[in-house]
């Protein structure tokens, strides 16, 4: 059986690699509020840090061992490079750390399945890059208990002085990167600046607003007026459209327009500090009633239930859609050239999250936690090279490593101008016609994720258009910090119970959302669905969330 599992794994990893082009304004990267000071070009000189024992760690390390590393390829290199070994960043990472690496990558969109096969073989690499917090059943404590990954507390103490220093200086991040039991389990990917944590929100055709003499919409009534004008006077056949696959109207993670009614399409903290489930609250009924009215009047894409990314791209590019919810990078950055090619005056801008009363601060909005679990790297419990792996991974949190992960190699992918690391034309105006997101991913990980702290100066350049930068500023003006649950974790036992409840709840929420908006069920059927929520143990789910939050607050 074990031999068959290994054969299966070998077949998996040799198939074609990695998914769709990610031109998003990185939900998968991070940096610190106070970035480490610029260092010399990686490879141009050595970098030295000191462990708590006083031993100096100098990069490049001197080792004749080759470590093994399992993780997906950055999505931006799909169709550009086939393996980690072909990518300059990963080639140079080995040089600057002095540690040879043998990479293995799962096939496109099969990361979890491939990991399960790998774990079943019992033949694990030294390091695994994976979302252990969000995607591993039972969470990181279960992975530690099952003997897959190493509890890193002692390892970080002894061999990772850079990460240890960063976490000591940023206690809120420190809370997020360990379990309720206080176990460190990965070298984390960290968004250290609030500006990097917000990247999505409402988008509107500003040129149409100007032509029609309309202000940028703020209230739900404003949005109604805007959509009606776009339909009647601009000929928009799908005035408002979003990606509704796999879940309808879950744009911005929690339903950007539902948030106008002071609810979230998920669990949240209300004004009194209680945990609530938005789809069971009256505000969600009001939201559904509003969207049913808009749909009936032709203001919402009639095919919204099946609209995927390609359909939305086509709607925006053709002028069928004038309002959506998407990223600054993968939305405005992708669509603006398409719109301009058809209409030189066409302009997309970010609009505020909707409210009911003009002047109110939006209740919620998209904002990711400082610790983004994707891209974090665990050392396996079976590794015979724990010290070397830890020192190698700790490089990403050093001054030189910070510069390398975020900007690459000085003189190649960036150059210093007035003490500012400016990307070169090799990545921003690539001679091979690669998009900046693709070219950057060949030389840095700043626009994706990984074991490092992302630098704000990356996003300042990646968002090349002023409209993109303005959009992020606009979307940042919400009360999301008051209402968003922190990255809490359930116990392994709670996780199993919660997973079943959430499967039932999400199925009901999707059914209710579709049927009421489409009009196949009346708005008043909302109460019937709330009863169904209670029947599948919504109250127990809230209990588990409350217990998880209490444990998180005690970390």
Protein backbone atom coordinates (compact mmCIF):
# COMPACT_ATOMS: atom_id res chain seq x y z
CA UNK A 1 0.00 0.00 0.00
CA UNK A 2 2.80 2.36 0.91
CA UNK A 3 4.57 1.63 -2.39
CA UNK A 4 1.37 2.40 -4.33
CA UNK A 5 0.95 5.68 -2.45
CA UNK A 6 4.46 6.71 -3.41
CA UNK A 7 3.82 5.87 -7.05
CA UNK A 8 0.63 7.92 -6.93
CA UNK A 9 2.44 10.87 -5.40
CA UNK A 10 5.19 10.67 -8.03
CA UNK A 11 2.60 10.73 -10.79
CA UNK A 12 0.88 13.72 -9.22
CA UNK A 13 3.97 15.87 -8.91
CA UNK A 14 5.07 15.26 -12.46
CA UNK A 15 1.85 16.53 -14.00
CA UNK A 16 1.52 20.09 -15.25
CA UNK A 17 1.89 22.74 -12.57
CA UNK A 18 -0.01 25.64 -11.01
CA UNK A 19 -3.15 27.59 -11.54
CA UNK A 20 -4.50 30.69 -13.06
CA UNK A 21 -2.72 34.01 -13.37
CA UNK A 22 -3.06 35.96 -10.18
CA UNK A 23 -2.84 39.62 -10.93
CA UNK A 24 -4.54 40.50 -7.67
CA UNK A 25 -3.45 43.16 -5.31
CA UNK A 26 -1.94 40.53 -3.13
CA UNK A 27 -4.19 38.91 -0.65
CA UNK A 28 -1.30 36.59 -0.25
CA UNK A 29 1.56 38.81 0.77
CA UNK A 30 2.65 40.81 3.80
CA UNK A 31 5.01 43.27 5.43
CA UNK A 32 5.72 44.96 8.68
CA UNK A 33 4.64 48.41 9.71
CA UNK A 34 8.21 49.34 10.30
CA UNK A 35 10.15 47.54 7.61
CA UNK A 36 13.74 46.55 8.30
CA UNK A 37 16.18 49.08 6.97
CA UNK A 38 17.47 48.56 3.43
CA UNK A 39 20.36 46.16 3.21
CA UNK A 40 22.96 45.54 0.59
CA UNK A 41 22.05 43.43 -2.40
CA UNK A 42 21.66 39.78 -1.41
CA UNK A 43 24.71 37.91 -2.54
CA UNK A 44 26.78 41.07 -2.77
CA UNK A 45 27.87 40.67 0.83
CA UNK A 46 27.31 38.43 3.80
CA UNK A 47 24.54 39.01 6.35
CA UNK A 48 25.05 38.17 10.01
CA UNK A 49 22.60 37.76 12.88
CA UNK A 50 23.08 36.41 16.37
CA UNK A 51 21.20 33.59 18.09
CA UNK A 52 20.13 33.91 21.76
CA UNK A 53 23.11 31.74 22.70
CA UNK A 54 25.37 34.40 21.22
CA UNK A 55 26.37 32.33 18.19
CA UNK A 56 26.62 34.32 14.99
CA UNK A 57 24.56 33.19 11.99
CA UNK A 58 26.24 34.39 8.82
CA UNK A 59 24.67 34.10 5.38
CA UNK A 60 25.38 32.38 3.15
CA UNK A 61 25.47 29.39 5.49
CA UNK A 62 28.05 26.74 4.81
CA UNK A 63 26.40 23.38 4.22
CA UNK A 64 26.88 20.38 1.97
CA UNK A 65 23.36 19.11 2.75
CA UNK A 66 20.47 19.47 0.32
CA UNK A 67 17.14 20.18 1.99
CA UNK A 68 13.80 19.14 0.52
CA UNK A 69 10.96 21.67 0.12
CA UNK A 70 7.32 21.00 -0.85
CA UNK A 71 4.99 23.82 -1.91
CA UNK A 72 2.91 25.18 -4.75
CA UNK A 73 4.35 27.40 -7.44
CA UNK A 74 3.31 31.07 -7.31
CA UNK A 75 0.19 31.40 -9.46
CA UNK A 76 1.66 34.33 -11.37
CA UNK A 77 4.27 32.12 -13.06
CA UNK A 78 1.71 29.80 -14.66
CA UNK A 79 2.62 29.44 -18.29
CA UNK A 80 5.92 31.25 -17.74
CA UNK A 81 7.96 28.70 -15.79
CA UNK A 82 7.22 25.05 -15.06
CA UNK A 83 9.19 24.39 -11.87
CA UNK A 84 10.73 26.16 -8.88
CA UNK A 85 14.16 25.31 -10.24
CA UNK A 86 13.48 27.40 -13.36
CA UNK A 87 12.64 30.55 -11.41
CA UNK A 88 15.45 33.04 -10.65
CA UNK A 89 14.07 33.85 -7.17
CA UNK A 90 14.32 30.24 -6.01
CA UNK A 91 17.70 29.78 -7.70
CA UNK A 92 19.12 32.82 -5.91
CA UNK A 93 17.41 32.01 -2.61
CA UNK A 94 19.66 28.97 -2.40
CA UNK A 95 22.72 31.08 -3.16
CA UNK A 96 22.05 33.84 -0.63
CA UNK A 97 21.23 31.37 2.15
CA UNK A 98 23.90 28.87 1.14
CA UNK A 99 21.42 26.00 1.37
CA UNK A 100 20.79 23.78 -1.68
CA UNK A 101 17.10 22.90 -2.09
CA UNK A 102 15.24 20.18 -3.92
CA UNK A 103 11.74 21.38 -4.72
CA UNK A 104 8.52 19.44 -5.25
CA UNK A 105 5.27 21.12 -6.29
CA UNK A 106 1.68 19.82 -6.34
CA UNK A 107 -0.30 20.00 -9.58
CA UNK A 108 -2.57 22.93 -10.31
CA UNK A 109 -5.55 23.19 -7.94
CA UNK A 110 -4.59 19.94 -6.23
CA UNK A 111 -2.54 21.19 -3.30
CA UNK A 112 -4.66 19.67 -0.53
CA UNK A 113 -5.22 16.37 -2.32
CA UNK A 114 -1.50 16.08 -3.09
CA UNK A 115 -0.57 16.88 0.50
CA UNK A 116 -2.86 14.14 1.76
CA UNK A 117 -1.13 11.67 -0.52
CA UNK A 118 2.27 12.92 0.65
CA UNK A 119 1.36 12.60 4.33
CA UNK A 120 0.06 9.07 3.73
CA UNK A 121 3.45 7.98 2.37
CA UNK A 122 5.20 8.90 5.61
CA UNK A 123 8.15 10.01 3.47
CA UNK A 124 8.10 13.76 4.17
CA UNK A 125 10.40 16.56 2.98
CA UNK A 126 12.23 18.85 5.40
CA UNK A 127 9.80 21.73 4.81
CA UNK A 128 6.18 22.04 3.69
CA UNK A 129 4.59 25.32 2.59
CA UNK A 130 0.86 25.09 3.29
CA UNK A 131 -2.08 26.75 5.03
CA UNK A 132 -2.01 24.57 8.15
CA UNK A 133 -4.39 26.87 10.01
CA UNK A 134 -7.17 27.05 7.46
CA UNK A 135 -6.89 23.93 5.31
CA UNK A 136 -5.63 21.12 7.54
CA UNK A 137 -8.48 19.25 9.32
CA UNK A 138 -8.12 19.85 13.03
CA UNK A 139 -5.64 22.67 12.50
CA UNK A 140 -1.96 22.94 13.36
CA UNK A 141 -2.20 21.34 16.81
CA UNK A 142 -3.60 18.21 15.16
CA UNK A 143 -0.77 18.27 12.60
CA UNK A 144 1.74 18.49 15.46
CA UNK A 145 -0.01 15.77 17.47
CA UNK A 146 -0.13 13.47 14.44
CA UNK A 147 3.62 13.84 14.01
CA UNK A 148 3.54 15.64 10.66
CA UNK A 149 5.03 19.00 11.61
CA UNK A 150 7.32 20.24 14.35
CA UNK A 151 6.32 22.42 17.28
CA UNK A 152 8.76 25.27 16.68
CA UNK A 153 9.01 27.03 20.05
CA UNK A 154 12.46 25.70 20.96
CA UNK A 155 13.62 25.82 17.35
CA UNK A 156 12.76 29.52 16.97
CA UNK A 157 14.38 30.28 20.33
CA UNK A 158 17.63 28.61 19.32
CA UNK A 159 17.97 29.11 15.59
CA UNK A 160 15.65 31.93 14.36
CA UNK A 161 16.75 35.20 16.01
CA UNK A 162 15.27 37.40 13.26
CA UNK A 163 11.76 35.96 13.47
CA UNK A 164 11.92 35.89 17.28
CA UNK A 165 12.88 39.58 17.36
CA UNK A 166 10.09 40.55 14.96
CA UNK A 167 7.41 38.70 16.96
CA UNK A 168 8.64 40.21 20.22
CA UNK A 169 8.32 43.68 18.70
CA UNK A 170 4.85 42.95 17.24
CA UNK A 171 2.78 41.21 19.96
CA UNK A 172 -0.48 41.35 17.97
CA UNK A 173 1.16 39.45 15.13
CA UNK A 174 2.70 37.07 17.66
CA UNK A 175 -0.82 36.17 18.87
CA UNK A 176 -1.85 35.30 15.34
CA UNK A 177 1.05 33.03 14.44
CA UNK A 178 0.69 30.57 17.32
CA UNK A 179 -2.06 28.26 18.52
CA UNK A 180 -4.26 28.65 21.58
CA UNK A 181 -1.81 26.36 23.37
CA UNK A 182 1.05 28.71 22.53
CA UNK A 183 2.59 26.47 19.87
CA UNK A 184 4.51 28.07 17.02
CA UNK A 185 4.18 25.83 13.98
CA UNK A 186 5.34 27.76 10.88
CA UNK A 187 7.68 30.42 9.65
CA UNK A 188 4.83 32.78 8.84
CA UNK A 189 3.84 35.07 6.01
CA UNK A 190 3.12 38.45 7.56
CA UNK A 191 1.32 41.54 6.29
CA UNK A 192 2.85 44.16 8.50
CA UNK A 193 1.19 47.28 7.15
CA UNK A 194 -2.54 47.98 7.14
CA UNK A 195 -2.21 49.30 3.60
CA UNK A 196 -1.30 45.79 2.47
CA UNK A 197 -4.26 44.19 4.20
CA UNK A 198 -6.94 46.01 2.17
CA UNK A 199 -7.15 45.37 -1.56
CA UNK A 200 -10.80 44.89 -2.57
CA UNK A 201 -14.01 46.87 -2.69
CA UNK A 202 -16.72 48.41 -4.92
CA UNK A 203 -15.60 49.61 -8.35
CA UNK A 204 -17.54 51.96 -10.62
CA UNK A 205 -17.19 53.57 -14.07
CA UNK A 206 -16.27 57.14 -13.11
CA UNK A 207 -16.53 58.41 -16.70
CA UNK A 208 -20.17 57.28 -16.80
CA UNK A 209 -20.89 59.06 -13.52
CA UNK A 210 -19.37 62.27 -14.85
CA UNK A 211 -21.23 62.03 -18.14
CA UNK A 212 -24.52 61.53 -16.31
CA UNK A 213 -23.84 64.21 -13.70
CA UNK A 214 -23.91 61.72 -10.83
CA UNK A 215 -21.74 61.75 -7.69
CA UNK A 216 -19.71 58.74 -6.60
CA UNK A 217 -22.36 56.59 -4.86
CA UNK A 218 -22.23 56.28 -1.08
CA UNK A 219 -25.66 55.15 0.14
CA UNK A 220 -27.78 52.23 -1.03
CA UNK A 221 -30.16 54.80 -2.56
CA UNK A 222 -27.21 56.35 -4.43
CA UNK A 223 -26.26 52.95 -5.80
CA UNK A 224 -29.82 52.34 -6.95
CA UNK A 225 -29.88 55.67 -8.79
CA UNK A 226 -26.50 54.92 -10.36
CA UNK A 227 -27.42 51.44 -11.55
CA UNK A 228 -30.74 52.65 -12.97
CA UNK A 229 -28.98 55.41 -14.90
CA UNK A 230 -26.32 53.01 -16.20
CA UNK A 231 -29.05 50.69 -17.48
CA UNK A 232 -31.32 53.30 -19.00
CA UNK A 233 -28.82 55.87 -20.27
CA UNK A 234 -25.62 53.90 -20.92
CA UNK A 235 -27.24 50.72 -22.22
CA UNK A 236 -25.59 48.50 -19.59
CA UNK A 237 -27.25 45.09 -19.85
CA UNK A 238 -25.70 43.84 -16.58
CA UNK A 239 -25.22 47.08 -14.63
CA UNK A 240 -24.02 45.31 -11.47
CA UNK A 241 -22.15 42.03 -11.79
CA UNK A 242 -19.77 40.10 -9.53
CA UNK A 243 -18.14 36.69 -9.45
CA UNK A 244 -20.77 34.48 -7.79
CA UNK A 245 -19.04 31.15 -8.18
CA UNK A 246 -18.80 29.11 -6.02
CA UNK A 247 -21.02 31.14 -3.66
CA UNK A 248 -23.51 33.80 -4.81
CA UNK A 249 -22.78 37.40 -3.82
CA UNK A 250 -19.94 36.61 -1.47
CA UNK A 251 -17.89 39.41 -3.00
CA UNK A 252 -15.31 40.96 -0.71
CA UNK A 253 -15.39 37.76 1.29
CA UNK A 254 -18.53 38.66 3.22
CA UNK A 255 -20.92 40.42 0.86
CA UNK A 256 -19.93 44.06 0.31
CA UNK A 257 -23.49 45.30 -0.16
CA UNK A 258 -24.99 43.22 2.64
CA UNK A 259 -22.66 45.11 4.95
CA UNK A 260 -24.62 48.31 4.30
CA UNK A 261 -27.35 46.75 6.46
CA UNK A 262 -24.92 46.24 9.38
CA UNK A 263 -24.57 42.51 8.82
CA UNK A 264 -21.92 40.28 7.32
CA UNK A 265 -22.37 37.14 5.25
CA UNK A 266 -20.52 35.25 7.97
CA UNK A 267 -19.82 35.47 11.71
CA UNK A 268 -18.98 38.91 13.08
CA UNK A 269 -18.91 40.89 16.32
CA UNK A 270 -21.86 43.26 16.79
CA UNK A 271 -21.80 46.65 18.50
CA UNK A 272 -22.37 45.00 21.88
CA UNK A 273 -19.45 42.58 21.52
CA UNK A 274 -21.63 39.52 20.80
CA UNK A 275 -20.83 37.08 18.00
CA UNK A 276 -23.58 36.98 15.39
CA UNK A 277 -24.19 35.10 12.13
CA UNK A 278 -25.20 37.71 9.56
CA UNK A 279 -27.56 35.62 7.40
CA UNK A 280 -29.74 34.98 10.47
CA UNK A 281 -30.13 38.69 11.30
CA UNK A 282 -32.89 41.06 10.13
CA UNK A 283 -30.41 43.21 8.26
CA UNK A 284 -29.76 40.31 5.91
CA UNK A 285 -33.47 40.10 5.10
CA UNK A 286 -33.41 43.81 4.21
CA UNK A 287 -30.38 43.20 1.99
CA UNK A 288 -32.11 40.32 0.19
CA UNK A 289 -35.24 42.41 -0.31
CA UNK A 290 -33.14 45.21 -1.84
CA UNK A 291 -31.29 42.90 -4.18
CA UNK A 292 -34.51 41.17 -5.22
CA UNK A 293 -35.90 44.57 -6.21
CA UNK A 294 -32.72 45.43 -8.13
CA UNK A 295 -32.73 42.08 -9.90
CA UNK A 296 -36.39 42.40 -10.86
CA UNK A 297 -35.63 45.80 -12.40
CA UNK A 298 -32.73 44.46 -14.46
CA UNK A 299 -30.04 46.26 -12.46
CA UNK A 300 -28.19 43.04 -11.57
CA UNK A 301 -26.63 40.68 -14.11
CA UNK A 302 -29.39 38.25 -15.03
CA UNK A 303 -26.76 35.49 -15.10
CA UNK A 304 -25.29 36.39 -11.71
CA UNK A 305 -25.85 32.90 -10.30
CA UNK A 306 -23.31 31.39 -12.72
CA UNK A 307 -21.03 34.39 -13.28
CA UNK A 308 -17.36 33.44 -12.99
CA UNK A 309 -14.22 35.49 -13.51
CA UNK A 310 -14.26 35.18 -17.30
CA UNK A 311 -17.89 36.29 -17.50
CA UNK A 312 -17.18 39.32 -15.33
CA UNK A 313 -14.11 40.23 -17.42
CA UNK A 314 -16.24 40.11 -20.56
CA UNK A 315 -19.00 42.24 -18.99
CA UNK A 316 -16.57 44.92 -17.85
CA UNK A 317 -14.61 45.01 -21.11
CA UNK A 318 -17.75 45.23 -23.28
CA UNK A 319 -19.42 47.95 -21.23
CA UNK A 320 -22.26 45.66 -20.13
CA UNK A 321 -21.28 46.24 -16.48
CA UNK A 322 -20.48 49.51 -14.75
CA UNK A 323 -20.41 48.41 -11.10
CA UNK A 324 -18.67 45.46 -9.48
CA UNK A 325 -16.63 44.43 -6.44
CA UNK A 326 -13.06 43.34 -7.07
CA UNK A 327 -9.35 43.95 -6.37
CA UNK A 328 -7.26 47.02 -7.10
CA UNK A 329 -4.68 44.90 -8.90
CA UNK A 330 -6.65 42.05 -10.42
CA UNK A 331 -9.68 44.26 -11.04
CA UNK A 332 -8.85 47.87 -11.86
CA UNK A 333 -5.32 46.96 -12.97
CA UNK A 334 -6.56 44.25 -15.32
CA UNK A 335 -9.64 45.99 -16.71
CA UNK A 336 -8.49 49.58 -17.17
CA UNK A 337 -6.42 48.84 -20.31
CA UNK A 338 -9.31 46.82 -21.78
CA UNK A 339 -11.75 49.68 -21.20
CA UNK A 340 -9.36 52.32 -22.49
CA UNK A 341 -8.78 50.36 -25.69
CA UNK A 342 -12.50 50.59 -26.43
CA UNK A 343 -13.18 54.01 -24.89
CA UNK A 344 -10.16 56.29 -24.28
CA UNK A 345 -12.20 58.28 -21.73
CA UNK A 346 -13.19 55.20 -19.73
CA UNK A 347 -12.06 55.27 -16.08
CA UNK A 348 -12.57 52.80 -13.22
CA UNK A 349 -12.32 53.98 -9.62
CA UNK A 350 -12.82 52.51 -6.20
CA UNK A 351 -16.02 53.65 -4.48
CA UNK A 352 -16.78 53.59 -0.74
CA UNK A 353 -18.41 50.56 0.82
CA UNK A 354 -22.18 51.22 0.84
CA UNK A 355 -24.06 52.65 3.84
CA UNK A 356 -27.74 53.41 4.46
CA UNK A 357 -27.28 56.95 5.75
CA UNK A 358 -24.99 59.47 4.06
CA UNK A 359 -22.01 60.32 6.22
CA UNK A 360 -21.96 57.03 8.13
CA UNK A 361 -18.74 55.05 8.29
CA UNK A 362 -19.20 51.68 6.53
CA UNK A 363 -19.90 48.88 9.01
CA UNK A 364 -17.47 46.42 7.49
CA UNK A 365 -15.16 45.88 4.54
CA UNK A 366 -12.46 43.59 3.19
CA UNK A 367 -9.38 43.48 5.41
CA UNK A 368 -7.15 40.46 5.84
CA UNK A 369 -5.27 39.70 9.07
CA UNK A 370 -1.61 40.61 9.45
CA UNK A 371 -0.75 36.92 9.45
CA UNK A 372 -1.85 35.44 6.17
CA UNK A 373 -1.68 31.64 6.60
CA UNK A 374 -0.95 30.94 2.93
CA UNK A 375 2.75 30.80 2.14
CA UNK A 376 3.80 29.89 5.68
CA UNK A 377 6.35 27.11 5.99
CA UNK A 378 6.44 24.27 8.53
CA UNK A 379 9.43 22.08 9.32
CA UNK A 380 8.38 18.45 9.37
CA UNK A 381 8.73 16.44 12.56
CA UNK A 382 10.72 13.77 10.70
CA UNK A 383 13.33 16.20 9.34
CA UNK A 384 16.94 15.35 10.17
CA UNK A 385 17.99 18.91 9.35
CA UNK A 386 15.95 21.05 11.76
CA UNK A 387 18.70 23.53 12.66
CA UNK A 388 19.73 24.13 9.04
CA UNK A 389 16.10 24.47 7.87
CA UNK A 390 15.32 26.95 10.65
CA UNK A 391 18.35 29.12 9.94
CA UNK A 392 17.60 29.02 6.22
CA UNK A 393 13.96 30.06 6.74
CA UNK A 394 14.94 32.74 9.26
CA UNK A 395 16.80 34.54 6.48
CA UNK A 396 13.47 35.92 5.23
CA UNK A 397 13.09 37.97 8.44
CA UNK A 398 16.62 39.41 8.38
CA UNK A 399 17.35 42.82 6.85
CA UNK A 400 19.00 41.30 3.79
CA UNK A 401 16.25 38.69 3.48
CA UNK A 402 13.56 41.33 3.78
CA UNK A 403 15.03 43.16 0.81
CA UNK A 404 15.49 39.97 -1.17
CA UNK A 405 11.98 38.60 -0.70
CA UNK A 406 10.36 41.96 -1.43
CA UNK A 407 12.61 43.40 -4.11
CA UNK A 408 14.93 40.67 -5.36
CA UNK A 409 18.52 41.37 -6.37
CA UNK A 410 19.82 44.91 -6.48
CA UNK A 411 20.88 45.87 -9.99
CA UNK A 412 18.60 43.26 -11.53
CA UNK A 413 15.03 43.61 -10.27
CA UNK A 414 15.50 46.85 -8.29
CA UNK A 415 17.85 49.73 -7.76
CA UNK A 416 18.12 52.14 -4.85
CA UNK A 417 17.00 55.70 -5.63
CA UNK A 418 17.09 58.17 -2.74
CA UNK A 419 17.11 55.27 -0.29
CA UNK A 420 14.01 53.79 -1.97
CA UNK A 421 14.11 50.35 -3.67
CA UNK A 422 12.66 51.03 -7.10
CA UNK A 423 11.77 48.15 -9.38
CA UNK A 424 13.58 48.12 -12.71
CA UNK A 425 12.07 47.95 -16.18
CA UNK A 426 12.95 44.24 -16.22
CA UNK A 427 9.91 43.68 -13.99
CA UNK A 428 7.72 46.74 -14.55
CA UNK A 429 8.13 47.00 -18.34
CA UNK A 430 9.32 43.51 -19.13
CA UNK A 431 11.10 43.15 -22.49
CA UNK A 432 9.39 39.78 -23.03
CA UNK A 433 6.00 41.45 -22.59
CA UNK A 434 5.28 39.71 -19.30
CA UNK A 435 2.75 41.52 -17.10
CA UNK A 436 4.35 43.12 -14.00
CA UNK A 437 2.72 40.48 -11.78
CA UNK A 438 4.35 37.73 -13.85
CA UNK A 439 7.76 39.38 -14.15
CA UNK A 440 7.88 40.28 -10.46
CA UNK A 441 7.12 36.68 -9.49
CA UNK A 442 10.25 35.54 -11.28
CA UNK A 443 12.48 37.65 -9.01
CA UNK A 444 10.60 38.31 -5.76
CA UNK A 445 7.87 36.90 -3.52
CA UNK A 446 6.65 40.30 -2.40
CA UNK A 447 3.61 40.14 -4.67
CA UNK A 448 2.65 36.65 -3.54
CA UNK A 449 3.47 35.14 -0.14
CA UNK A 450 6.12 33.14 1.68
CA UNK A 451 8.16 33.06 4.90
CA UNK A 452 8.89 36.78 5.23
CA UNK A 453 7.42 40.19 6.10
CA UNK A 454 5.99 42.00 3.10
CA UNK A 455 7.08 45.59 2.48
CA UNK A 456 4.62 48.40 1.79
CA UNK A 457 7.01 49.79 -0.83
CA UNK A 458 6.17 46.78 -3.02
CA UNK A 459 2.50 47.69 -3.29
CA UNK A 460 3.26 51.38 -3.83
CA UNK A 461 4.88 50.38 -7.11
CA UNK A 462 2.72 47.41 -8.04
CA UNK A 463 -0.34 49.66 -8.00
CA UNK A 464 1.02 51.72 -10.86
CA UNK A 465 -2.10 53.83 -11.45
CA UNK A 466 -3.21 56.56 -9.07
CA UNK A 467 -6.77 55.26 -9.32
CA UNK A 468 -5.59 51.96 -7.81
CA UNK A 469 -3.84 53.64 -4.90
CA UNK A 470 -6.83 55.90 -4.30
CA UNK A 471 -9.13 52.86 -4.31
CA UNK A 472 -7.19 51.20 -1.49
CA UNK A 473 -7.37 54.40 0.55
CA UNK A 474 -11.12 54.65 -0.05
CA UNK A 475 -11.76 51.00 0.87
CA UNK A 476 -9.72 51.36 4.05
CA UNK A 477 -12.23 53.79 5.58
CA UNK A 478 -14.52 51.34 7.38
CA UNK A 479 -15.25 50.03 10.88
CA UNK A 480 -14.11 46.53 9.96
CA UNK A 481 -11.61 46.41 12.85
CA UNK A 482 -14.48 46.71 15.35
CA UNK A 483 -16.52 43.90 13.85
CA UNK A 484 -14.20 41.37 12.21
CA UNK A 485 -13.29 38.27 14.16
CA UNK A 486 -9.52 37.81 14.58
CA UNK A 487 -7.94 34.62 13.16
CA UNK A 488 -9.35 32.36 15.87
CA UNK A 489 -8.97 28.57 15.80
CA UNK A 490 -11.20 25.79 17.03
CA UNK A 491 -9.82 22.77 18.86
CA UNK A 492 -9.41 19.58 16.77
CA UNK A 493 -12.64 18.22 18.31
CA UNK A 494 -14.53 21.47 17.73
CA UNK A 495 -13.23 21.67 14.16
CA UNK A 496 -14.86 18.37 13.23
CA UNK A 497 -18.18 19.44 14.72
CA UNK A 498 -18.02 22.94 13.24
CA UNK A 499 -17.17 21.67 9.75
CA UNK A 500 -20.43 19.71 9.55
CA UNK A 501 -22.52 22.58 10.89
CA UNK A 502 -20.95 25.05 8.44
CA UNK A 503 -21.52 22.77 5.48
CA UNK A 504 -25.23 22.71 6.33
CA UNK A 505 -25.37 26.44 7.11
CA UNK A 506 -23.56 27.54 3.94
CA UNK A 507 -25.79 25.34 1.80
CA UNK A 508 -28.88 26.97 3.32
CA UNK A 509 -27.47 30.51 3.02
CA UNK A 510 -26.65 29.99 -0.66
CA UNK A 511 -30.10 28.54 -1.33
CA UNK A 512 -31.84 31.39 0.49
CA UNK A 513 -29.74 34.05 -1.24
CA UNK A 514 -30.36 32.70 -4.72
CA UNK A 515 -34.06 31.94 -4.35
CA UNK A 516 -35.05 35.22 -2.71
CA UNK A 517 -33.03 37.42 -5.07
CA UNK A 518 -34.28 35.53 -8.12
CA UNK A 519 -37.84 35.71 -6.78
CA UNK A 520 -38.52 31.97 -6.78
CA UNK A 521 -39.30 32.35 -3.08
CA UNK A 522 -40.81 35.42 -1.37
CA UNK A 523 -38.71 37.65 0.88
CA UNK A 524 -40.80 36.51 3.84
CA UNK A 525 -39.41 32.99 3.46
CA UNK A 526 -36.36 34.43 5.27
CA UNK A 527 -37.90 33.45 8.61
CA UNK A 528 -38.30 29.87 7.42
CA UNK A 529 -34.59 29.73 6.65
CA UNK A 530 -33.67 31.13 10.06
CA UNK A 531 -35.59 28.23 11.59
CA UNK A 532 -33.58 25.85 9.42
CA UNK A 533 -30.35 27.52 10.59
CA UNK A 534 -31.36 26.77 14.16
CA UNK A 535 -32.21 23.19 13.26
CA UNK A 536 -28.67 22.58 11.97
CA UNK A 537 -27.22 23.90 15.23
CA UNK A 538 -26.33 27.52 14.45
CA UNK A 539 -26.31 28.22 18.19
CA UNK A 540 -23.65 25.55 18.69
CA UNK A 541 -21.51 27.09 15.93
CA UNK A 542 -21.71 30.44 17.72
CA UNK A 543 -20.71 28.71 20.99
CA UNK A 544 -17.63 27.27 19.30
CA UNK A 545 -16.72 30.66 17.81
CA UNK A 546 -17.15 32.29 21.23
CA UNK A 547 -14.94 29.68 22.93
CA UNK A 548 -12.32 30.12 20.20
CA UNK A 549 -12.39 33.92 20.60
CA UNK A 550 -12.03 33.62 24.39
CA UNK A 551 -8.98 31.39 23.96
CA UNK A 552 -7.50 33.73 21.36
CA UNK A 553 -7.87 36.71 23.69
CA UNK A 554 -5.97 34.80 26.39
CA UNK A 555 -3.00 34.00 24.16
